[in-house]
Amino acid sequence: MNKNIRDHFDSSLNFWAEYPEFSTMPGFKEIYKADKLRSKRKSSEIAWAIHFAYNHNSKFYNIPEKLFLIARDVLKDEEFKWSNKAVVAACEIYKQTVLTQAERSLESWNQTLMMRDKGLKEWYKDEFDKDISERNIKIISELDKQMSSTAKFFADFKNITAALREEGESKKVKIKGESDSDDF
């Protein structure tokens, strides 16, 4: 019996045996077909890697360097190309198939906040690595403004997280409607 993909992380099992429908989906299909091994072990590992990277229940999910860590530790290939056309397509179809709209929004915000945080830190570092006489006060002022607006980004992120939590709770409750009666 297939397990719920949202809560299943046993990568010792063959992904295609657990979730055969993915072998026909864009990106996954190309990865599956490119694997010439009869066991489809390598393509299964790639499918698990995508699952670990984008499933909100994964221990890797919130790690900023998750793609590198998954490539190194799961795929045992630090040079794995996450930018490969089939892999990109598989990642996108995975998100569209497995994640809810709220989770996809959360994923987008999460990526944006990580890039923003990294960019602002690098910008600050670049400016403050300069000799004091070379620092640009306008740039520092703009950086301060950008940092203070981060609170608004986190408020939006918090709202999406709350919507996601509500969505998860509503899925746990079975509401019996008129059409659910035992009378036929």
Foldseek 3Di string as FASTA:
>chain_A
DADQLLPDQPLVDQQCVNPVVLCPAFLLVVLQVVDPDPSSSLSSLLLSLLSLDQRPVHPLPLPPCSNQCSCCPRNVHSPDDCVPPSNVRSSVVCCVPRPDPLSVVLSVLSVVLVVLVVVLVVQVCVQVVDDPVPHDPVSVVVSVVSVVCVVVSVVVSVVSVVVVVVVVVVVVDDDQDPVNDPDD
